[in-house]
Amino acid sequence: MGTADGPIIVVLKVEMHCEDCAMQVRRSVKGFKGVEAAASDILESKLTVIGKVDPFELRSHVESKTHKKVELIYPATIAVKKEAEGHVGVKAEKPDKEKDQKNADGNRPNVPNSATSVVLKVQLHCKGCTQRIIKQIYKIKGKISGILSGMIS
């Protein structure tokens, strides 16, 4: 199973929650060299591509064009082999929570009691994206100003 033998099927997992997201992902592979056909499945968040392509280059291309996390699902045998050889990025180690919570004195860092304003610059191309981000922001502990929901309609 290789790109020299003929077209292969590559399945990528990409977050897609609406038709606009799916169209954006399909459009990202449209001009990629060797792609013959592409189909997306919103319910399973999968992009299926047929063509003479390198699965890893395709994954990187889709990730850079869509600015979304992309996972290579199939061909899995190639992914496991490449990962063993060190071609797939090494996962960063999770930082130790205890070290992060303590400062140099060994005490917990001071948490300010005053209000903090945060401005987020996020590309929102559809109402579904907007609602998903608002939902995540409201899950943050603390009091969230009502201005956010009033600004986005």
C-alpha atoms as a PDB file:
ATOM      1  CA  MET A   1       0.000   0.000   0.000  1.00  0.00           C
ATOM      2  CA  GLY A   2       1.880   3.069  -1.183  1.00  0.00           C
ATOM      3  CA  THR A   3       1.517   6.138  -3.316  1.00  0.00           C
ATOM      4  CA  ALA A   4       3.467   4.541  -6.225  1.00  0.00           C
ATOM      5  CA  ASP A   5       1.021   1.623  -6.611  1.00  0.00           C
ATOM      6  CA  GLY A   6      -2.058   3.744  -7.227  1.00  0.00           C
ATOM      7  CA  PRO A   7      -4.616   5.789  -5.360  1.00  0.00           C
ATOM      8  CA  ILE A   8      -5.030   5.099  -1.666  1.00  0.00           C
ATOM      9  CA  ILE A   9      -7.745   5.949   0.812  1.00  0.00           C
ATOM     10  CA  VAL A  10      -6.769   8.281   3.634  1.00  0.00           C
ATOM     11  CA  VAL A  11      -9.145   8.936   6.535  1.00  0.00           C
ATOM     12  CA  LEU A  12      -8.545  11.953   8.777  1.00  0.00           C
ATOM     13  CA  LYS A  13     -10.361  12.950  11.940  1.00  0.00           C
ATOM     14  CA  VAL A  14     -11.145  16.692  11.924  1.00  0.00           C
ATOM     15  CA  GLU A  15     -13.585  18.586  14.137  1.00  0.00           C
ATOM     16  CA  MET A  16     -16.624  19.443  12.002  1.00  0.00           C
ATOM     17  CA  HIS A  17     -19.897  20.416  13.620  1.00  0.00           C
ATOM     18  CA  CYS A  18     -21.744  22.044  10.722  1.00  0.00           C
ATOM     19  CA  GLU A  19     -21.871  21.997   6.924  1.00  0.00           C
ATOM     20  CA  ASP A  20     -19.748  25.176   6.722  1.00  0.00           C
ATOM     21  CA  CYS A  21     -16.960  23.484   8.706  1.00  0.00           C
ATOM     22  CA  ALA A  22     -17.164  20.410   6.452  1.00  0.00           C
ATOM     23  CA  MET A  23     -17.014  22.581   3.344  1.00  0.00           C
ATOM     24  CA  GLN A  24     -13.964  24.426   4.704  1.00  0.00           C
ATOM     25  CA  VAL A  25     -12.177  21.118   5.357  1.00  0.00           C
ATOM     26  CA  ARG A  26     -13.062  19.699   1.916  1.00  0.00           C
ATOM     27  CA  ARG A  27     -11.899  22.929   0.282  1.00  0.00           C
ATOM     28  CA  SER A  28      -8.540  22.655   2.080  1.00  0.00           C
ATOM     29  CA  VAL A  29      -7.686  19.436   0.183  1.00  0.00           C
ATOM     30  CA  LYS A  30      -9.143  20.507  -3.157  1.00  0.00           C
ATOM     31  CA  GLY A  31      -5.864  21.844  -4.564  1.00  0.00           C
ATOM     32  CA  PHE A  32      -3.553  19.351  -2.869  1.00  0.00           C
ATOM     33  CA  LYS A  33      -1.412  17.465  -5.402  1.00  0.00           C
ATOM     34  CA  GLY A  34      -2.662  13.935  -6.075  1.00  0.00           C
ATOM     35  CA  VAL A  35      -6.138  14.272  -4.532  1.00  0.00           C
ATOM     36  CA  GLU A  36      -8.793  12.700  -6.754  1.00  0.00           C
ATOM     37  CA  ALA A  37     -11.839  12.881  -4.457  1.00  0.00           C
ATOM     38  CA  ALA A  38     -12.756  14.021  -0.958  1.00  0.00           C
ATOM     39  CA  ALA A  39     -15.819  13.401   1.202  1.00  0.00           C
ATOM     40  CA  SER A  40     -16.653  14.522   4.719  1.00  0.00           C
ATOM     41  CA  ASP A  41     -18.822  12.992   7.411  1.00  0.00           C
ATOM     42  CA  ILE A  42     -20.005  15.582   9.935  1.00  0.00           C
ATOM     43  CA  LEU A  43     -21.474  13.086  12.409  1.00  0.00           C
ATOM     44  CA  GLU A  44     -18.229  11.138  12.779  1.00  0.00           C
ATOM     45  CA  SER A  45     -15.945  14.161  12.123  1.00  0.00           C
ATOM     46  CA  LYS A  46     -14.083  12.280   9.399  1.00  0.00           C
ATOM     47  CA  LEU A  47     -12.603  13.377   6.088  1.00  0.00           C
ATOM     48  CA  THR A  48     -12.011  10.646   3.506  1.00  0.00           C
ATOM     49  CA  VAL A  49      -9.587  11.413   0.680  1.00  0.00           C
ATOM     50  CA  ILE A  50      -8.809   9.230  -2.343  1.00  0.00           C
ATOM     51  CA  GLY A  51      -5.698   9.827  -4.402  1.00  0.00           C
ATOM     52  CA  LYS A  52      -1.965   9.376  -4.814  1.00  0.00           C
ATOM     53  CA  VAL A  53      -0.973  11.316  -1.705  1.00  0.00           C
ATOM     54  CA  ASP A  54       1.341  11.007   1.269  1.00  0.00           C
ATOM     55  CA  PRO A  55      -0.979  10.689   4.303  1.00  0.00           C
ATOM     56  CA  PHE A  56       1.355  12.654   6.587  1.00  0.00           C
ATOM     57  CA  GLU A  57       1.785  15.542   4.159  1.00  0.00           C
ATOM     58  CA  LEU A  58      -1.981  15.615   3.648  1.00  0.00           C
ATOM     59  CA  ARG A  59      -2.591  15.697   7.412  1.00  0.00           C
ATOM     60  CA  SER A  60      -0.128  18.566   7.845  1.00  0.00           C
ATOM     61  CA  HIS A  61      -1.661  20.445   4.918  1.00  0.00           C
ATOM     62  CA  VAL A  62      -5.221  20.156   6.250  1.00  0.00           C
ATOM     63  CA  GLU A  63      -4.065  21.157   9.738  1.00  0.00           C
ATOM     64  CA  SER A  64      -2.307  24.280   8.431  1.00  0.00           C
ATOM     65  CA  LYS A  65      -5.183  25.321   6.146  1.00  0.00           C
ATOM     66  CA  THR A  66      -8.024  24.774   8.634  1.00  0.00           C
ATOM     67  CA  HIS A  67      -6.194  25.625  11.885  1.00  0.00           C
ATOM     68  CA  LYS A  68      -7.813  22.579  13.490  1.00  0.00           C
ATOM     69  CA  LYS A  69      -6.308  19.510  15.101  1.00  0.00           C
ATOM     70  CA  VAL A  70      -6.160  16.695  12.535  1.00  0.00           C
ATOM     71  CA  GLU A  71      -5.553  13.022  13.329  1.00  0.00           C
ATOM     72  CA  LEU A  72      -4.592  10.344  10.816  1.00  0.00           C
ATOM     73  CA  ILE A  73      -6.954   7.403  11.264  1.00  0.00           C
ATOM     74  CA  TYR A  74      -6.316   5.306   8.147  1.00  0.00           C
ATOM     75  CA  PRO A  75      -3.935   3.945   6.869  1.00  0.00           C
ATOM     76  CA  ALA A  76      -3.190   3.034  10.477  1.00  0.00           C
ATOM     77  CA  THR A  77      -0.387   0.590   9.670  1.00  0.00           C
ATOM     78  CA  ILE A  78       1.636   3.366   8.077  1.00  0.00           C
ATOM     79  CA  ALA A  79       0.926   5.708  10.998  1.00  0.00           C
ATOM     80  CA  VAL A  80       2.151   3.189  13.571  1.00  0.00           C
ATOM     81  CA  LYS A  81       5.262   2.387  11.528  1.00  0.00           C
ATOM     82  CA  LYS A  82       6.140   6.075  10.987  1.00  0.00           C
ATOM     83  CA  GLU A  83       5.513   6.884  14.656  1.00  0.00           C
ATOM     84  CA  ALA A  84       7.899   4.109  15.670  1.00  0.00           C
ATOM     85  CA  GLU A  85      10.526   5.537  13.329  1.00  0.00           C
ATOM     86  CA  GLY A  86      10.082   8.999  14.826  1.00  0.00           C
ATOM     87  CA  HIS A  87       8.414  10.684  11.837  1.00  0.00           C
ATOM     88  CA  VAL A  88       5.304  11.681  13.777  1.00  0.00           C
ATOM     89  CA  GLY A  89       5.716  14.510  16.270  1.00  0.00           C
ATOM     90  CA  VAL A  90       6.670  13.493  19.784  1.00  0.00           C
ATOM     91  CA  LYS A  91       3.999  14.197  22.359  1.00  0.00           C
ATOM     92  CA  ALA A  92       5.005  16.802  24.879  1.00  0.00           C
ATOM     93  CA  GLU A  93       5.117  15.636  28.450  1.00  0.00           C
ATOM     94  CA  LYS A  94       2.424  17.012  30.697  1.00  0.00           C
ATOM     95  CA  PRO A  95       3.798  19.473  33.219  1.00  0.00           C
ATOM     96  CA  ASP A  96       3.711  18.435  36.841  1.00  0.00           C
ATOM     97  CA  LYS A  97       0.705  20.137  38.460  1.00  0.00           C
ATOM     98  CA  GLU A  98       2.398  20.417  41.843  1.00  0.00           C
ATOM     99  CA  LYS A  99       5.341  22.299  40.376  1.00  0.00           C
ATOM    100  CA  ASP A 100       3.029  24.696  38.536  1.00  0.00           C
ATOM    101  CA  GLN A 101       0.968  25.457  41.644  1.00  0.00           C
ATOM    102  CA  LYS A 102       3.915  26.347  43.848  1.00  0.00           C
ATOM    103  CA  ASN A 103       6.301  29.242  43.400  1.00  0.00           C
ATOM    104  CA  ALA A 104       9.986  29.351  44.328  1.00  0.00           C
ATOM    105  CA  ASP A 105       9.203  29.789  48.060  1.00  0.00           C
ATOM    106  CA  GLY A 106       7.187  26.567  48.101  1.00  0.00           C
ATOM    107  CA  ASN A 107       3.936  28.463  48.668  1.00  0.00           C
ATOM    108  CA  ARG A 108       0.926  28.553  46.434  1.00  0.00           C
ATOM    109  CA  PRO A 109       0.904  31.577  44.119  1.00  0.00           C
ATOM    110  CA  ASN A 110      -1.285  34.501  45.108  1.00  0.00           C
ATOM    111  CA  VAL A 111      -4.563  34.675  43.237  1.00  0.00           C
ATOM    112  CA  PRO A 112      -5.772  38.233  42.692  1.00  0.00           C
ATOM    113  CA  ASN A 113      -9.232  39.122  43.968  1.00  0.00           C
ATOM    114  CA  SER A 114      -9.797  41.835  41.385  1.00  0.00           C
ATOM    115  CA  ALA A 115     -11.598  41.384  38.089  1.00  0.00           C
ATOM    116  CA  THR A 116      -9.584  40.530  35.014  1.00  0.00           C
ATOM    117  CA  SER A 117     -10.577  41.399  31.464  1.00  0.00           C
ATOM    118  CA  VAL A 118      -9.625  39.141  28.613  1.00  0.00           C
ATOM    119  CA  VAL A 119      -9.999  39.856  24.910  1.00  0.00           C
ATOM    120  CA  LEU A 120     -10.062  36.850  22.618  1.00  0.00           C
ATOM    121  CA  LYS A 121      -9.532  37.127  18.874  1.00  0.00           C
ATOM    122  CA  VAL A 122     -11.206  34.075  17.381  1.00  0.00           C
ATOM    123  CA  GLN A 123     -12.227  33.388  13.793  1.00  0.00           C
ATOM    124  CA  LEU A 124     -15.941  32.590  13.811  1.00  0.00           C
ATOM    125  CA  HIS A 125     -17.330  31.528  10.451  1.00  0.00           C
ATOM    126  CA  CYS A 126     -20.697  30.191  11.519  1.00  0.00           C
ATOM    127  CA  LYS A 127     -23.241  30.380  14.310  1.00  0.00           C
ATOM    128  CA  GLY A 128     -22.311  26.876  15.490  1.00  0.00           C
ATOM    129  CA  CYS A 129     -18.711  27.943  16.097  1.00  0.00           C
ATOM    130  CA  THR A 130     -19.885  31.011  17.995  1.00  0.00           C
ATOM    131  CA  GLN A 131     -22.214  29.016  20.227  1.00  0.00           C
ATOM    132  CA  ARG A 132     -19.547  26.369  20.929  1.00  0.00           C
ATOM    133  CA  ILE A 133     -17.041  29.004  22.057  1.00  0.00           C
ATOM    134  CA  ILE A 134     -19.574  30.855  24.209  1.00  0.00           C
ATOM    135  CA  LYS A 135     -20.520  27.555  25.872  1.00  0.00           C
ATOM    136  CA  GLN A 136     -16.869  26.833  26.696  1.00  0.00           C
ATOM    137  CA  ILE A 137     -16.304  30.344  28.082  1.00  0.00           C
ATOM    138  CA  TYR A 138     -19.285  30.061  30.406  1.00  0.00           C
ATOM    139  CA  LYS A 139     -17.822  26.836  31.834  1.00  0.00           C
ATOM    140  CA  ILE A 140     -14.872  28.818  33.208  1.00  0.00           C
ATOM    141  CA  LYS A 141     -15.060  29.214  36.969  1.00  0.00           C
ATOM    142  CA  GLY A 142     -15.792  32.713  38.173  1.00  0.00           C
ATOM    143  CA  LYS A 143     -18.214  35.370  37.101  1.00  0.00           C
ATOM    144  CA  ILE A 144     -18.441  35.982  33.381  1.00  0.00           C
ATOM    145  CA  SER A 145     -19.818  39.316  32.277  1.00  0.00           C
ATOM    146  CA  GLY A 146     -23.091  39.362  30.350  1.00  0.00           C
ATOM    147  CA  ILE A 147     -21.462  41.558  27.757  1.00  0.00           C
ATOM    148  CA  LEU A 148     -20.257  38.526  25.808  1.00  0.00           C
ATOM    149  CA  SER A 149     -23.693  37.236  24.948  1.00  0.00           C
ATOM    150  CA  GLY A 150     -24.915  40.736  24.119  1.00  0.00           C
ATOM    151  CA  MET A 151     -22.085  41.346  21.661  1.00  0.00           C
ATOM    152  CA  ILE A 152     -22.613  38.179  19.646  1.00  0.00           C
ATOM    153  CA  SER A 153     -25.999  37.628  18.119  1.00  0.00           C
END
